[in-house]
C-alpha cells in the first residue's frame, strides 16, 4: 500500500459517505488495482452482521486498513488505519 493511502486513511471520517471514503482511498484509480478494497462481512455472537472494506497491509505490518460501514445508509461508521 503506498504511503499516500495511509495518509488518506486518516482523512476518512465517521459519517462520510462510503463513495467519498473509497475515492479518498484510491479505489477508483484503475492504475492502482493492487490497492483496491475488498468488501467483507462477518457475524459476531454478540452483534449483528458487520460490513467493512479492507485494504492491503503494507509489507510486514500486522494489520491493514478497515473502513466499517452501514450497508443501508452507505455511511462510514468506523475506521481503523493500519500500521505505518
PDB file of N, CA and C in Angstrom:
ATOM      1  N   UNK A   1       0.851  -1.174   0.000  1.00  0.00           N
ATOM      2  CA  UNK A   1       0.000   0.000   0.000  1.00  0.00           C
ATOM      3  C   UNK A   1       0.890   1.228   0.000  1.00  0.00           C
ATOM      4  N   UNK A   2       0.705   2.123  -0.924  1.00  0.00           N
ATOM      5  CA  UNK A   2       1.555   3.299  -0.949  1.00  0.00           C
ATOM      6  C   UNK A   2       1.311   4.196   0.253  1.00  0.00           C
ATOM      7  N   UNK A   3       2.337   4.958   0.606  1.00  0.00           N
ATOM      8  CA  UNK A   3       2.254   5.834   1.770  1.00  0.00           C
ATOM      9  C   UNK A   3       1.071   6.785   1.661  1.00  0.00           C
ATOM     10  N   UNK A   4       0.735   7.239   0.470  1.00  0.00           N
ATOM     11  CA  UNK A   4      -0.387   8.143   0.301  1.00  0.00           C
ATOM     12  C   UNK A   4      -1.693   7.552   0.794  1.00  0.00           C
ATOM     13  N   UNK A   5      -1.874   6.235   0.665  1.00  0.00           N
ATOM     14  CA  UNK A   5      -3.096   5.592   1.129  1.00  0.00           C
ATOM     15  C   UNK A   5      -3.199   5.686   2.639  1.00  0.00           C
ATOM     16  N   UNK A   6      -2.091   5.514   3.360  1.00  0.00           N
ATOM     17  CA  UNK A   6      -2.106   5.667   4.819  1.00  0.00           C
ATOM     18  C   UNK A   6      -2.533   7.073   5.196  1.00  0.00           C
ATOM     19  N   UNK A   7      -1.964   8.047   4.536  1.00  0.00           N
ATOM     20  CA  UNK A   7      -2.307   9.428   4.842  1.00  0.00           C
ATOM     21  C   UNK A   7      -3.777   9.689   4.544  1.00  0.00           C
ATOM     22  N   UNK A   8      -4.278   9.115   3.468  1.00  0.00           N
ATOM     23  CA  UNK A   8      -5.676   9.291   3.115  1.00  0.00           C
ATOM     24  C   UNK A   8      -6.593   8.602   4.112  1.00  0.00           C
ATOM     25  N   UNK A   9      -6.173   7.497   4.670  1.00  0.00           N
ATOM     26  CA  UNK A   9      -6.986   6.799   5.661  1.00  0.00           C
ATOM     27  C   UNK A   9      -7.302   7.715   6.833  1.00  0.00           C
ATOM     28  N   UNK A  10      -6.348   8.494   7.231  1.00  0.00           N
ATOM     29  CA  UNK A  10      -6.563   9.399   8.363  1.00  0.00           C
ATOM     30  C   UNK A  10      -7.558  10.505   8.032  1.00  0.00           C
ATOM     31  N   UNK A  11      -7.851  10.708   6.744  1.00  0.00           N
ATOM     32  CA  UNK A  11      -8.834  11.713   6.326  1.00  0.00           C
ATOM     33  C   UNK A  11     -10.254  11.149   6.286  1.00  0.00           C
ATOM     34  N   UNK A  12     -10.382   9.823   6.303  1.00  0.00           N
ATOM     35  CA  UNK A  12     -11.705   9.190   6.286  1.00  0.00           C
ATOM     36  C   UNK A  12     -12.327   9.361   7.667  1.00  0.00           C
ATOM     37  N   UNK A  13     -13.533   9.886   7.712  1.00  0.00           N
ATOM     38  CA  UNK A  13     -14.206  10.196   8.974  1.00  0.00           C
ATOM     39  C   UNK A  13     -15.547   9.482   9.077  1.00  0.00           C
ATOM     40  N   UNK A  14     -15.920   9.151  10.302  1.00  0.00           N
ATOM     41  CA  UNK A  14     -17.232   8.584  10.576  1.00  0.00           C
ATOM     42  C   UNK A  14     -18.291   9.569  10.092  1.00  0.00           C
ATOM     43  N   UNK A  15     -19.293   9.049   9.388  1.00  0.00           N
ATOM     44  CA  UNK A  15     -20.381   9.879   8.881  1.00  0.00           C
ATOM     45  C   UNK A  15     -20.250  10.250   7.413  1.00  0.00           C
ATOM     46  N   UNK A  16     -19.050  10.103   6.848  1.00  0.00           N
ATOM     47  CA  UNK A  16     -18.904  10.421   5.426  1.00  0.00           C
ATOM     48  C   UNK A  16     -19.477   9.275   4.602  1.00  0.00           C
ATOM     49  N   UNK A  17     -19.813   9.557   3.356  1.00  0.00           N
ATOM     50  CA  UNK A  17     -20.376   8.507   2.509  1.00  0.00           C
ATOM     51  C   UNK A  17     -19.301   7.491   2.154  1.00  0.00           C
ATOM     52  N   UNK A  18     -19.744   6.277   1.904  1.00  0.00           N
ATOM     53  CA  UNK A  18     -18.814   5.216   1.521  1.00  0.00           C
ATOM     54  C   UNK A  18     -18.125   5.566   0.203  1.00  0.00           C
ATOM     55  N   UNK A  19     -18.861   6.160  -0.722  1.00  0.00           N
ATOM     56  CA  UNK A  19     -18.281   6.560  -2.009  1.00  0.00           C
ATOM     57  C   UNK A  19     -17.157   7.571  -1.806  1.00  0.00           C
ATOM     58  N   UNK A  20     -17.376   8.560  -0.936  1.00  0.00           N
ATOM     59  CA  UNK A  20     -16.343   9.565  -0.673  1.00  0.00           C
ATOM     60  C   UNK A  20     -15.115   8.919  -0.038  1.00  0.00           C
ATOM     61  N   UNK A  21     -15.329   7.973   0.867  1.00  0.00           N
ATOM     62  CA  UNK A  21     -14.212   7.282   1.513  1.00  0.00           C
ATOM     63  C   UNK A  21     -13.420   6.479   0.488  1.00  0.00           C
ATOM     64  N   UNK A  22     -14.115   5.784  -0.398  1.00  0.00           N
ATOM     65  CA  UNK A  22     -13.437   4.991  -1.425  1.00  0.00           C
ATOM     66  C   UNK A  22     -12.636   5.878  -2.373  1.00  0.00           C
ATOM     67  N   UNK A  23     -13.170   7.050  -2.699  1.00  0.00           N
ATOM     68  CA  UNK A  23     -12.427   7.980  -3.552  1.00  0.00           C
ATOM     69  C   UNK A  23     -11.150   8.438  -2.854  1.00  0.00           C
ATOM     70  N   UNK A  24     -11.254   8.773  -1.567  1.00  0.00           N
ATOM     71  CA  UNK A  24     -10.063   9.184  -0.812  1.00  0.00           C
ATOM     72  C   UNK A  24      -9.004   8.085  -0.786  1.00  0.00           C
ATOM     73  N   UNK A  25      -9.463   6.849  -0.670  1.00  0.00           N
ATOM     74  CA  UNK A  25      -8.544   5.717  -0.549  1.00  0.00           C
ATOM     75  C   UNK A  25      -8.007   5.244  -1.895  1.00  0.00           C
ATOM     76  N   UNK A  26      -8.509   5.797  -3.003  1.00  0.00           N
ATOM     77  CA  UNK A  26      -7.980   5.455  -4.321  1.00  0.00           C
ATOM     78  C   UNK A  26      -8.623   4.251  -4.970  1.00  0.00           C
ATOM     79  N   UNK A  27      -9.798   3.845  -4.507  1.00  0.00           N
ATOM     80  CA  UNK A  27     -10.470   2.683  -5.099  1.00  0.00           C
ATOM     81  C   UNK A  27     -10.779   2.857  -6.575  1.00  0.00           C
ATOM     82  N   UNK A  28     -10.996   4.085  -7.010  1.00  0.00           N
ATOM     83  CA  UNK A  28     -11.400   4.317  -8.384  1.00  0.00           C
ATOM     84  C   UNK A  28     -10.228   4.634  -9.306  1.00  0.00           C
ATOM     85  N   UNK A  29      -9.003   4.524  -8.802  1.00  0.00           N
ATOM     86  CA  UNK A  29      -7.810   4.734  -9.631  1.00  0.00           C
ATOM     87  C   UNK A  29      -7.469   3.410 -10.314  1.00  0.00           C
ATOM     88  N   UNK A  30      -7.849   3.273 -11.559  1.00  0.00           N
ATOM     89  CA  UNK A  30      -7.694   2.000 -12.257  1.00  0.00           C
ATOM     90  C   UNK A  30      -6.247   1.513 -12.291  1.00  0.00           C
ATOM     91  N   UNK A  31      -5.290   2.416 -12.220  1.00  0.00           N
ATOM     92  CA  UNK A  31      -3.880   2.044 -12.303  1.00  0.00           C
ATOM     93  C   UNK A  31      -3.325   1.563 -10.964  1.00  0.00           C
ATOM     94  N   UNK A  32      -4.114   1.605  -9.894  1.00  0.00           N
ATOM     95  CA  UNK A  32      -3.664   1.114  -8.593  1.00  0.00           C
ATOM     96  C   UNK A  32      -4.522  -0.065  -8.144  1.00  0.00           C
ATOM     97  N   UNK A  33      -4.762  -0.987  -9.040  1.00  0.00           N
ATOM     98  CA  UNK A  33      -5.655  -2.109  -8.739  1.00  0.00           C
ATOM     99  C   UNK A  33      -5.223  -2.921  -7.531  1.00  0.00           C
ATOM    100  N   UNK A  34      -3.946  -3.017  -7.261  1.00  0.00           N
ATOM    101  CA  UNK A  34      -3.473  -3.795  -6.118  1.00  0.00           C
ATOM    102  C   UNK A  34      -3.904  -3.178  -4.796  1.00  0.00           C
ATOM    103  N   UNK A  35      -4.323  -1.917  -4.818  1.00  0.00           N
ATOM    104  CA  UNK A  35      -4.692  -1.230  -3.586  1.00  0.00           C
ATOM    105  C   UNK A  35      -6.194  -1.041  -3.434  1.00  0.00           C
ATOM    106  N   UNK A  36      -6.980  -1.655  -4.294  1.00  0.00           N
ATOM    107  CA  UNK A  36      -8.434  -1.539  -4.177  1.00  0.00           C
ATOM    108  C   UNK A  36      -8.927  -2.313  -2.964  1.00  0.00           C
ATOM    109  N   UNK A  37     -10.061  -1.879  -2.474  1.00  0.00           N
ATOM    110  CA  UNK A  37     -10.646  -2.527  -1.306  1.00  0.00           C
ATOM    111  C   UNK A  37     -11.353  -3.825  -1.681  1.00  0.00           C
ATOM    112  N   UNK A  38     -11.596  -4.628  -0.660  1.00  0.00           N
ATOM    113  CA  UNK A  38     -12.445  -5.802  -0.768  1.00  0.00           C
ATOM    114  C   UNK A  38     -13.528  -5.644   0.281  1.00  0.00           C
ATOM    115  N   UNK A  39     -14.752  -6.055  -0.040  1.00  0.00           N
ATOM    116  CA  UNK A  39     -15.840  -5.970   0.931  1.00  0.00           C
ATOM    117  C   UNK A  39     -15.904  -7.289   1.703  1.00  0.00           C
ATOM    118  N   UNK A  40     -15.964  -7.182   3.019  1.00  0.00           N
ATOM    119  CA  UNK A  40     -16.060  -8.344   3.897  1.00  0.00           C
ATOM    120  C   UNK A  40     -17.250  -8.169   4.820  1.00  0.00           C
ATOM    121  N   UNK A  41     -17.801  -9.278   5.251  1.00  0.00           N
ATOM    122  CA  UNK A  41     -18.848  -9.268   6.263  1.00  0.00           C
ATOM    123  C   UNK A  41     -18.531 -10.352   7.273  1.00  0.00           C
ATOM    124  N   UNK A  42     -18.957 -10.159   8.508  1.00  0.00           N
ATOM    125  CA  UNK A  42     -18.824 -11.233   9.489  1.00  0.00           C
ATOM    126  C   UNK A  42     -19.894 -11.092  10.560  1.00  0.00           C
ATOM    127  N   UNK A  43     -20.170 -12.224  11.179  1.00  0.00           N
ATOM    128  CA  UNK A  43     -21.129 -12.259  12.278  1.00  0.00           C
ATOM    129  C   UNK A  43     -20.365 -12.433  13.580  1.00  0.00           C
ATOM    130  N   UNK A  44     -20.798 -11.721  14.573  1.00  0.00           N
ATOM    131  CA  UNK A  44     -20.256 -11.849  15.909  1.00  0.00           C
ATOM    132  C   UNK A  44     -21.397 -12.392  16.764  1.00  0.00           C
ATOM    133  N   UNK A  45     -21.109 -13.288  17.689  1.00  0.00           N
ATOM    134  CA  UNK A  45     -22.164 -13.865  18.522  1.00  0.00           C
ATOM    135  C   UNK A  45     -22.954 -12.818  19.282  1.00  0.00           C
ATOM    136  N   UNK A  46     -22.337 -11.696  19.575  1.00  0.00           N
ATOM    137  CA  UNK A  46     -22.985 -10.671  20.380  1.00  0.00           C
ATOM    138  C   UNK A  46     -23.529  -9.508  19.553  1.00  0.00           C
ATOM    139  N   UNK A  47     -23.175  -9.415  18.294  1.00  0.00           N
ATOM    140  CA  UNK A  47     -23.574  -8.274  17.477  1.00  0.00           C
ATOM    141  C   UNK A  47     -24.176  -8.755  16.168  1.00  0.00           C
ATOM    142  N   UNK A  48     -24.823  -7.841  15.487  1.00  0.00           N
ATOM    143  CA  UNK A  48     -25.388  -8.128  14.169  1.00  0.00           C
ATOM    144  C   UNK A  48     -24.269  -8.226  13.136  1.00  0.00           C
ATOM    145  N   UNK A  49     -24.635  -8.610  11.953  1.00  0.00           N
ATOM    146  CA  UNK A  49     -23.682  -8.710  10.856  1.00  0.00           C
ATOM    147  C   UNK A  49     -22.992  -7.362  10.651  1.00  0.00           C
ATOM    148  N   UNK A  50     -21.687  -7.385  10.448  1.00  0.00           N
ATOM    149  CA  UNK A  50     -20.917  -6.164  10.237  1.00  0.00           C
ATOM    150  C   UNK A  50     -20.324  -6.169   8.834  1.00  0.00           C
ATOM    151  N   UNK A  51     -20.244  -4.983   8.243  1.00  0.00           N
ATOM    152  CA  UNK A  51     -19.714  -4.821   6.893  1.00  0.00           C
ATOM    153  C   UNK A  51     -18.513  -3.897   6.942  1.00  0.00           C
ATOM    154  N   UNK A  52     -17.472  -4.231   6.181  1.00  0.00           N
ATOM    155  CA  UNK A  52     -16.317  -3.350   6.130  1.00  0.00           C
ATOM    156  C   UNK A  52     -15.516  -3.580   4.865  1.00  0.00           C
ATOM    157  N   UNK A  53     -14.804  -2.537   4.469  1.00  0.00           N
ATOM    158  CA  UNK A  53     -13.843  -2.623   3.370  1.00  0.00           C
ATOM    159  C   UNK A  53     -12.484  -2.874   3.982  1.00  0.00           C
ATOM    160  N   UNK A  54     -11.685  -3.686   3.322  1.00  0.00           N
ATOM    161  CA  UNK A  54     -10.308  -3.872   3.777  1.00  0.00           C
ATOM    162  C   UNK A  54      -9.373  -3.445   2.659  1.00  0.00           C
ATOM    163  N   UNK A  55      -8.231  -2.962   3.071  1.00  0.00           N
ATOM    164  CA  UNK A  55      -7.176  -2.576   2.139  1.00  0.00           C
ATOM    165  C   UNK A  55      -5.930  -3.358   2.503  1.00  0.00           C
ATOM    166  N   UNK A  56      -5.089  -3.678   1.537  1.00  0.00           N
ATOM    167  CA  UNK A  56      -3.907  -4.492   1.803  1.00  0.00           C
ATOM    168  C   UNK A  56      -2.994  -3.878   2.861  1.00  0.00           C
ATOM    169  N   UNK A  57      -2.437  -4.746   3.691  1.00  0.00           N
ATOM    170  CA  UNK A  57      -1.468  -4.296   4.696  1.00  0.00           C
ATOM    171  C   UNK A  57      -0.127  -4.075   4.021  1.00  0.00           C
ATOM    172  N   UNK A  58       0.608  -3.076   4.457  1.00  0.00           N
ATOM    173  CA  UNK A  58       1.954  -2.877   3.909  1.00  0.00           C
ATOM    174  C   UNK A  58       2.853  -4.028   4.340  1.00  0.00           C
ATOM    175  N   UNK A  59       3.966  -4.182   3.673  1.00  0.00           N
ATOM    176  CA  UNK A  59       4.906  -5.260   3.959  1.00  0.00           C
ATOM    177  C   UNK A  59       5.247  -5.303   5.439  1.00  0.00           C
ATOM    178  N   UNK A  60       5.137  -6.464   6.047  1.00  0.00           N
ATOM    179  CA  UNK A  60       5.499  -6.749   7.434  1.00  0.00           C
ATOM    180  C   UNK A  60       4.583  -6.102   8.471  1.00  0.00           C
ATOM    181  N   UNK A  61       3.484  -5.511   8.047  1.00  0.00           N
ATOM    182  CA  UNK A  61       2.547  -4.930   9.011  1.00  0.00           C
ATOM    183  C   UNK A  61       1.606  -6.021   9.512  1.00  0.00           C
ATOM    184  N   UNK A  62       1.195  -5.917  10.744  1.00  0.00           N
ATOM    185  CA  UNK A  62       0.309  -6.927  11.307  1.00  0.00           C
ATOM    186  C   UNK A  62      -1.155  -6.667  10.972  1.00  0.00           C
ATOM    187  N   UNK A  63      -1.484  -5.446  10.585  1.00  0.00           N
ATOM    188  CA  UNK A  63      -2.872  -5.112  10.300  1.00  0.00           C
ATOM    189  C   UNK A  63      -2.972  -4.109   9.168  1.00  0.00           C
ATOM    190  N   UNK A  64      -3.962  -4.315   8.306  1.00  0.00           N
ATOM    191  CA  UNK A  64      -4.217  -3.379   7.225  1.00  0.00           C
ATOM    192  C   UNK A  64      -5.227  -2.325   7.656  1.00  0.00           C
ATOM    193  N   UNK A  65      -5.875  -1.717   6.687  1.00  0.00           N
ATOM    194  CA  UNK A  65      -6.848  -0.667   6.947  1.00  0.00           C
ATOM    195  C   UNK A  65      -8.260  -1.226   6.776  1.00  0.00           C
ATOM    196  N   UNK A  66      -9.145  -0.875   7.699  1.00  0.00           N
ATOM    197  CA  UNK A  66     -10.543  -1.295   7.649  1.00  0.00           C
ATOM    198  C   UNK A  66     -11.426  -0.067   7.699  1.00  0.00           C
ATOM    199  N   UNK A  67     -12.446  -0.042   6.852  1.00  0.00           N
ATOM    200  CA  UNK A  67     -13.458   1.007   6.897  1.00  0.00           C
ATOM    201  C   UNK A  67     -14.806   0.316   7.093  1.00  0.00           C
ATOM    202  N   UNK A  68     -15.387   0.469   8.264  1.00  0.00           N
ATOM    203  CA  UNK A  68     -16.676  -0.141   8.598  1.00  0.00           C
ATOM    204  C   UNK A  68     -17.789   0.763   8.082  1.00  0.00           C
ATOM    205  N   UNK A  69     -18.859   0.144   7.544  1.00  0.00           N
ATOM    206  CA  UNK A  69     -19.950   0.954   7.006  1.00  0.00           C
ATOM    207  C   UNK A  69     -21.297   0.283   7.214  1.00  0.00           C
ATOM    208  N   UNK A  70     -22.331   1.114   7.144  1.00  0.00           N
ATOM    209  CA  UNK A  70     -23.709   0.647   7.230  1.00  0.00           C
ATOM    210  C   UNK A  70     -24.180   0.414   5.795  1.00  0.00           C
ATOM    211  N   UNK A  71     -24.564  -0.824   5.444  1.00  0.00           N
ATOM    212  CA  UNK A  71     -24.943  -1.101   4.056  1.00  0.00           C
ATOM    213  C   UNK A  71     -26.236  -0.408   3.616  1.00  0.00           C
ATOM    214  N   UNK A  72     -27.094  -0.064   4.555  1.00  0.00           N
ATOM    215  CA  UNK A  72     -28.353   0.593   4.193  1.00  0.00           C
ATOM    216  C   UNK A  72     -28.162   2.076   3.899  1.00  0.00           C
ATOM    217  N   UNK A  73     -27.394   2.764   4.742  1.00  0.00           N
ATOM    218  CA  UNK A  73     -27.195   4.204   4.546  1.00  0.00           C
ATOM    219  C   UNK A  73     -25.970   4.518   3.704  1.00  0.00           C
ATOM    220  N   UNK A  74     -25.066   3.523   3.559  1.00  0.00           N
ATOM    221  CA  UNK A  74     -23.800   3.718   2.838  1.00  0.00           C
ATOM    222  C   UNK A  74     -22.951   4.799   3.499  1.00  0.00           C
ATOM    223  N   UNK A  75     -23.001   4.870   4.841  1.00  0.00           N
ATOM    224  CA  UNK A  75     -22.186   5.810   5.607  1.00  0.00           C
ATOM    225  C   UNK A  75     -21.116   5.074   6.396  1.00  0.00           C
ATOM    226  N   UNK A  76     -19.975   5.703   6.538  1.00  0.00           N
ATOM    227  CA  UNK A  76     -18.871   5.141   7.315  1.00  0.00           C
ATOM    228  C   UNK A  76     -19.243   5.203   8.794  1.00  0.00           C
ATOM    229  N   UNK A  77     -19.066   4.080   9.499  1.00  0.00           N
ATOM    230  CA  UNK A  77     -19.373   4.039  10.932  1.00  0.00           C
ATOM    231  C   UNK A  77     -18.141   3.763  11.777  1.00  0.00           C
ATOM    232  N   UNK A  78     -16.986   3.531  11.137  1.00  0.00           N
ATOM    233  CA  UNK A  78     -15.757   3.318  11.871  1.00  0.00           C
ATOM    234  C   UNK A  78     -14.581   3.168  10.926  1.00  0.00           C
ATOM    235  N   UNK A  79     -13.395   3.547  11.404  1.00  0.00           N
ATOM    236  CA  UNK A  79     -12.179   3.487  10.582  1.00  0.00           C
ATOM    237  C   UNK A  79     -11.031   2.960  11.435  1.00  0.00           C
ATOM    238  N   UNK A  80     -10.291   1.997  10.906  1.00  0.00           N
ATOM    239  CA  UNK A  80      -9.074   1.513  11.544  1.00  0.00           C
ATOM    240  C   UNK A  80      -7.957   1.640  10.524  1.00  0.00           C
ATOM    241  N   UNK A  81      -7.047   2.576  10.737  1.00  0.00           N
ATOM    242  CA  UNK A  81      -5.919   2.753   9.830  1.00  0.00           C
ATOM    243  C   UNK A  81      -4.808   1.786  10.242  1.00  0.00           C
ATOM    244  N   UNK A  82      -4.262   1.068   9.290  1.00  0.00           N
ATOM    245  CA  UNK A  82      -3.218   0.098   9.564  1.00  0.00           C
ATOM    246  C   UNK A  82      -1.921   0.742  10.028  1.00  0.00           C
ATOM    247  N   UNK A  83      -0.963  -0.121  10.340  1.00  0.00           N
ATOM    248  CA  UNK A  83       0.342   0.350  10.807  1.00  0.00           C
ATOM    249  C   UNK A  83       1.041   1.175   9.761  1.00  0.00           C
ATOM    250  N   UNK A  84       1.859   2.090  10.221  1.00  0.00           N
ATOM    251  CA  UNK A  84       2.635   2.949   9.319  1.00  0.00           C
ATOM    252  C   UNK A  84       4.065   2.510   9.293  1.00  0.00           C
TER     253      UNK A  84
END
